[in-house]
Structure formats: structure tokens, C-alpha cells
Amino acid sequence: MITAGVDLASQPRNTGFCVLRWEAGAVQVEHLEGHLDDGGLRRLVQSSAEKVGVDVPLGWPRRFVELVRRHSEMRLVESVEMKRLTHRATDHWVRDRCGIWPLSVSTDRIAYPALRAAPLLSGKPRDGSGQVVEVYPAAALVAWGLESRGYKGPEGRAGRERILARLLDALPGLGEGTLDPEPLLADDNRLDALVAALVARAVACGLCEPIPARHLGDARAEGWIHLPSEGSLVRLGAGAA
């Protein structure tokens, strides 16, 4: 099996991606880059990768979309709780499960990568039922019991070292072959891409928490962040749950 992960930024130069090959209970990094342009992303989602984990919101809050539509049509706009306009159902769910709020796709800078992703992933199911799955590396790290804060930017190298050490310990073969750990330690975009590819494997193997039945409609419209099940990290090599 091949899985891929993309840490999608608004610009190609900050977009990390990782391709993993899973064989005989082990995993190896097949490709790792810190630059991915639009054509490269299209080729990735047209490749043989079974699942591609993308760290970007795949949709906007339904109430926000409705507000903008009614406003553009000069129709009455009803008052809505602000958190329902700024955050999707999956964002509220992640907050309840992991204690962290994903960035708001309607009011924060994460909107720029989302706007880049929208035409590139147009027509793809947003609920993870297809090849593309939405992931949130920080929440995945929480689910796996790893540190999820303080590993970004130049000052976060020590945090990246600790995260990578835990991943190498949990996944046989990950550090073997030609893998050079330095790019992962030097660039949090690449590390997030690796985590995204691992979550893609968890989705493919049924090792993520299911979407609550009450949120299936929200997931299809807004996208859904897939959270690995507790204890699933060491089980990724073995395959399906």
C-alpha cells in the first residue's frame, strides 16, 4: 500500500509532501519534499496512493456559506452564534476530543490554503470516503499521545526531534533505507506531511474514529478531520483493525 501526506500552504514553497510505502508490516519513506506546486498536487491525487492525507480544510462552515449567500442576494441575514460561523462541525468535534481548536477557515489565515485547495480538489468527497482525506497533524499527535505544541518554526527543532524519535520507535522500517532525518528536523512542513501520510494509513486501515452519525451531512458539506484511534500508531504496520 502507498499513502501520501500533504501539508498544504498557500504557496508551493511552503507545501511539504511525503509518500510512504507499506510492505510486510513495515513502512519506508519513498519521497519527502518541502515544495509542491499545483501540478504536483494534481498528480499526487491521480497517483496510485490509496489515501492522500491533506492538512487543509476541505470546506467552510455551512452557516457561514449560507450567511454569505444570503448577504450577496440582499436577503435578510439572521443572527447566528459566532462559533458556528467561524468553525465547522468537525472543528467543534476535535475541540471536544483533543482540547485544541483548529484554525478558523472563515476568519483565519488557513483560509488561504483552503482557497488554493478548493479548485485543485474540486469534485473529491470531503468526508474521507474517497482517496483524499482531511487531516490535522497536531490533533493526530494528541491522539497518539505525542507532544503537539512547540514543534513549529526554527525554535521548535527540539520538539521535532522528540516527535520523530517516537515515530521511529513505533514504526519499524521508517528510519531505514535512505531516509535522512535532517529535512524532517529542519522543516515542520515536512514533518507534518509525514504525520499526514501516517493518518492516511490509519484511515485506509480503519484505525480512525468514525464520523458520528449526526455529523455525516456536515462532513459531506464541510469536510471532516480524521482522528486516529487511541493506540493506533503502533498498529499501522499491521494493517486493518
Protein backbone atom coordinates (compact mmCIF):
# COMPACT_ATOMS: atom_id res chain seq x y z
CA MET A 1 0.00 0.00 0.00
CA ILE A 2 1.08 3.57 -0.71
CA THR A 3 -0.17 6.53 1.31
CA ALA A 4 0.74 10.17 0.93
CA GLY A 5 0.52 13.28 3.06
CA VAL A 6 0.45 16.96 2.16
CA ASP A 7 0.95 19.92 4.48
CA LEU A 8 -0.76 22.39 2.17
CA ALA A 9 0.27 26.03 2.40
CA SER A 10 -0.88 28.95 0.29
CA GLN A 11 2.41 28.85 -1.62
CA PRO A 12 4.17 25.84 -3.18
CA ARG A 13 7.49 26.65 -1.49
CA ASN A 14 5.97 26.01 1.96
CA THR A 15 3.96 22.94 0.96
CA GLY A 16 5.52 19.74 2.26
CA PHE A 17 4.59 16.30 1.00
CA CYS A 18 5.53 12.75 1.86
CA VAL A 19 4.92 9.38 0.20
CA LEU A 20 5.07 6.16 2.27
CA ARG A 21 5.24 2.56 1.09
CA TRP A 22 3.83 -0.12 3.42
CA GLU A 23 5.03 -3.69 2.94
CA ALA A 24 5.31 -6.76 5.16
CA GLY A 25 4.41 -4.94 8.35
CA ALA A 26 6.94 -2.15 7.85
CA VAL A 27 6.97 1.29 6.28
CA GLN A 28 9.56 3.26 4.37
CA VAL A 29 9.64 6.85 3.19
CA GLU A 30 9.58 6.77 -0.60
CA HIS A 31 9.56 10.52 -1.19
CA LEU A 32 9.86 13.60 1.02
CA GLU A 33 9.83 17.20 -0.23
CA GLY A 34 9.22 20.70 1.07
CA HIS A 35 7.90 22.12 -2.21
CA LEU A 36 4.76 21.08 -4.09
CA ASP A 37 3.13 23.13 -6.83
CA ASP A 38 -0.43 22.81 -8.09
CA GLY A 39 0.50 20.40 -10.86
CA GLY A 40 2.33 18.21 -8.38
CA LEU A 41 -0.70 18.06 -6.11
CA ARG A 42 -2.93 17.07 -9.01
CA ARG A 43 -0.51 14.31 -9.98
CA LEU A 44 -0.37 13.11 -6.38
CA VAL A 45 -4.14 12.68 -6.15
CA GLN A 46 -4.09 10.91 -9.53
CA SER A 47 -1.32 8.55 -8.42
CA SER A 48 -1.55 5.01 -7.07
CA ALA A 49 -1.66 6.26 -3.48
CA GLU A 50 -4.61 4.59 -1.78
CA LYS A 51 -5.17 7.53 0.55
CA VAL A 52 -3.79 11.08 0.48
CA GLY A 53 -4.00 12.95 3.78
CA VAL A 54 -4.24 16.71 3.24
CA ASP A 55 -3.67 19.16 6.08
CA VAL A 56 -6.16 21.81 4.94
CA PRO A 57 -9.87 22.44 5.48
CA LEU A 58 -11.83 20.95 2.59
CA GLY A 59 -14.87 23.16 3.14
CA TRP A 60 -16.38 26.07 5.04
CA PRO A 61 -18.95 26.13 7.87
CA ARG A 62 -22.40 25.63 6.38
CA ARG A 63 -23.86 28.52 8.35
CA PHE A 64 -21.07 30.80 7.11
CA VAL A 65 -21.70 29.77 3.50
CA GLU A 66 -25.42 30.42 3.94
CA LEU A 67 -24.77 33.83 5.50
CA VAL A 68 -22.52 34.89 2.61
CA ARG A 69 -25.03 33.63 0.05
CA ARG A 70 -27.97 35.45 1.61
CA HIS A 71 -25.90 38.59 2.05
CA SER A 72 -24.86 38.57 -1.62
CA GLU A 73 -28.53 38.22 -2.63
CA MET A 74 -29.53 41.21 -0.46
CA ARG A 75 -31.68 38.90 1.65
CA LEU A 76 -32.27 39.00 5.38
CA VAL A 77 -29.30 37.65 7.34
CA GLU A 78 -30.25 36.06 10.62
CA SER A 79 -28.06 36.27 13.71
CA VAL A 80 -26.00 33.10 14.28
CA GLU A 81 -23.72 32.10 17.15
CA MET A 82 -20.26 33.34 16.13
CA LYS A 83 -18.53 29.98 16.71
CA ARG A 84 -20.94 28.37 14.22
CA LEU A 85 -19.81 30.87 11.60
CA THR A 86 -16.10 30.60 12.32
CA HIS A 87 -15.78 26.85 12.93
CA ARG A 88 -17.15 23.73 11.26
CA ALA A 89 -18.81 20.78 12.96
CA THR A 90 -15.54 18.84 12.75
CA ASP A 91 -13.65 21.71 14.41
CA HIS A 92 -16.05 21.62 17.38
CA TRP A 93 -15.69 17.83 17.50
CA VAL A 94 -11.87 18.00 17.50
CA ARG A 95 -12.01 20.61 20.25
CA ASP A 96 -14.15 18.29 22.37
CA ARG A 97 -11.91 15.28 21.69
CA CYS A 98 -8.43 16.84 21.84
CA GLY A 99 -8.82 20.14 23.65
CA ILE A 100 -7.49 22.26 20.77
CA TRP A 101 -9.34 24.46 18.29
CA PRO A 102 -8.40 24.03 14.63
CA LEU A 103 -7.86 27.36 12.89
CA SER A 104 -10.99 29.03 11.53
CA VAL A 105 -11.25 28.60 7.75
CA SER A 106 -13.61 31.57 7.53
CA THR A 107 -11.67 34.11 9.62
CA ASP A 108 -8.04 32.96 9.95
CA ARG A 109 -5.06 32.64 7.58
CA ILE A 110 -5.83 28.96 6.99
CA ALA A 111 -8.39 30.31 4.50
CA TYR A 112 -5.57 30.97 2.01
CA PRO A 113 -4.50 27.30 1.72
CA ALA A 114 -8.19 26.32 1.64
CA LEU A 115 -8.80 28.67 -1.28
CA ARG A 116 -5.81 27.12 -3.06
CA ALA A 117 -7.10 23.61 -2.38
CA ALA A 118 -10.70 24.20 -3.48
CA PRO A 119 -10.13 24.17 -7.28
CA LEU A 120 -7.38 21.55 -7.07
CA LEU A 121 -9.54 19.07 -5.16
CA SER A 122 -12.85 20.00 -6.74
CA GLY A 123 -15.20 17.04 -7.03
CA LYS A 124 -13.40 14.97 -4.40
CA PRO A 125 -15.55 13.72 -1.50
CA ARG A 126 -14.91 15.87 1.57
CA ASP A 127 -15.81 13.26 4.16
CA GLY A 128 -12.81 10.98 3.52
CA SER A 129 -14.80 8.33 1.69
CA GLY A 130 -12.62 8.80 -1.41
CA GLN A 131 -8.90 8.98 -1.93
CA VAL A 132 -8.44 12.38 -0.28
CA VAL A 133 -8.85 12.68 3.49
CA GLU A 134 -8.63 15.79 5.63
CA VAL A 135 -6.16 15.56 8.49
CA TYR A 136 -4.90 17.80 11.29
CA PRO A 137 -1.38 16.73 12.37
CA ALA A 138 -1.49 18.46 15.76
CA ALA A 139 -4.71 16.64 16.70
CA ALA A 140 -3.29 13.34 15.42
CA LEU A 141 -0.24 13.80 17.64
CA VAL A 142 -2.53 14.36 20.62
CA ALA A 143 -4.48 11.20 19.77
CA TRP A 144 -1.21 9.24 19.65
CA GLY A 145 -0.01 10.64 22.97
CA LEU A 146 2.77 12.73 21.43
CA GLU A 147 3.52 16.39 22.05
CA SER A 148 1.59 18.69 19.74
CA ARG A 149 2.84 22.15 20.67
CA GLY A 150 6.15 23.92 20.37
CA TYR A 151 7.47 21.97 17.37
CA LYS A 152 6.87 24.64 14.72
CA GLY A 153 9.41 27.06 13.31
CA PRO A 154 13.17 27.36 13.84
CA GLU A 155 12.78 27.35 17.61
CA GLY A 156 10.82 24.07 17.52
CA ARG A 157 13.62 21.76 16.39
CA ALA A 158 13.94 20.06 19.78
CA GLY A 159 10.23 19.30 19.71
CA ARG A 160 10.54 17.83 16.22
CA GLU A 161 13.42 15.67 17.40
CA ARG A 162 11.28 14.21 20.19
CA ILE A 163 8.31 13.60 17.89
CA LEU A 164 10.44 11.93 15.23
CA ALA A 165 12.17 9.73 17.83
CA ARG A 166 8.76 8.48 19.00
CA LEU A 167 7.61 7.81 15.44
CA LEU A 168 10.79 5.90 14.59
CA ASP A 169 10.40 3.81 17.71
CA ALA A 170 6.77 2.95 16.94
CA LEU A 171 7.13 2.17 13.23
CA PRO A 172 9.68 -0.47 12.11
CA GLY A 173 11.49 0.45 8.95
CA LEU A 174 10.60 4.13 8.98
CA GLY A 175 14.18 5.16 9.69
CA GLU A 176 15.78 2.52 7.49
CA GLY A 177 16.95 2.76 3.90
CA THR A 178 17.96 6.14 2.55
CA LEU A 179 15.87 8.29 4.90
CA ASP A 180 17.77 11.37 6.00
CA PRO A 181 16.14 12.69 9.21
CA GLU A 182 17.60 16.17 8.78
CA PRO A 183 14.88 17.51 6.40
CA LEU A 184 12.22 16.42 8.91
CA LEU A 185 14.05 18.12 11.75
CA ALA A 186 14.78 21.27 9.78
CA ASP A 187 11.28 21.84 8.40
CA ASP A 188 8.00 21.38 10.28
CA ASN A 189 6.15 21.34 6.93
CA ARG A 190 7.86 18.06 6.03
CA LEU A 191 7.21 16.58 9.47
CA ASP A 192 3.52 17.50 9.25
CA ALA A 193 3.42 15.90 5.79
CA LEU A 194 4.83 12.69 7.27
CA VAL A 195 2.19 12.72 10.01
CA ALA A 196 -0.49 13.37 7.38
CA ALA A 197 0.68 10.31 5.43
CA LEU A 198 0.53 8.23 8.62
CA VAL A 199 -3.03 9.38 9.30
CA ALA A 200 -3.90 8.48 5.70
CA ARG A 201 -2.72 4.94 6.50
CA ALA A 202 -4.87 4.93 9.64
CA VAL A 203 -7.92 5.91 7.58
CA ALA A 204 -7.18 3.22 4.98
CA CYS A 205 -6.90 0.57 7.71
CA GLY A 206 -9.98 1.58 9.68
CA LEU A 207 -7.90 2.86 12.59
CA CYS A 208 -9.58 6.27 12.90
CA GLU A 209 -12.56 7.31 14.96
CA PRO A 210 -15.76 7.11 12.90
CA ILE A 211 -17.72 10.20 11.95
CA PRO A 212 -20.66 10.49 14.37
CA ALA A 213 -23.93 9.70 12.60
CA ARG A 214 -25.34 13.12 13.45
CA HIS A 215 -22.47 14.79 11.58
CA LEU A 216 -22.47 12.79 8.35
CA GLY A 217 -24.20 15.61 6.47
CA ASP A 218 -21.82 18.17 7.92
CA ALA A 219 -18.84 16.04 6.86
CA ARG A 220 -20.04 15.78 3.27
CA ALA A 221 -20.53 19.55 3.02
CA GLU A 222 -17.77 20.98 5.21
CA GLY A 223 -15.06 18.32 5.30
CA TRP A 224 -14.07 16.19 8.27
CA ILE A 225 -10.81 15.94 10.23
CA HIS A 226 -9.92 12.26 10.70
CA LEU A 227 -8.54 11.44 14.12
CA PRO A 228 -6.53 8.24 14.68
CA SER A 229 -7.87 5.91 17.34
CA GLU A 230 -6.04 5.72 20.65
CA GLY A 231 -3.12 3.29 20.45
CA SER A 232 -3.30 3.04 16.67
CA LEU A 233 0.21 4.34 15.94
CA VAL A 234 1.97 1.05 16.71
CA ARG A 235 -0.70 -0.85 14.77
CA LEU A 236 -0.28 0.99 11.47
CA GLY A 237 2.24 -1.51 10.13
CA ALA A 238 -0.02 -4.46 10.84
CA GLY A 239 -2.83 -3.07 8.71
CA ALA A 240 -6.57 -3.20 9.14
CA ALA A 241 -8.20 -3.05 12.55
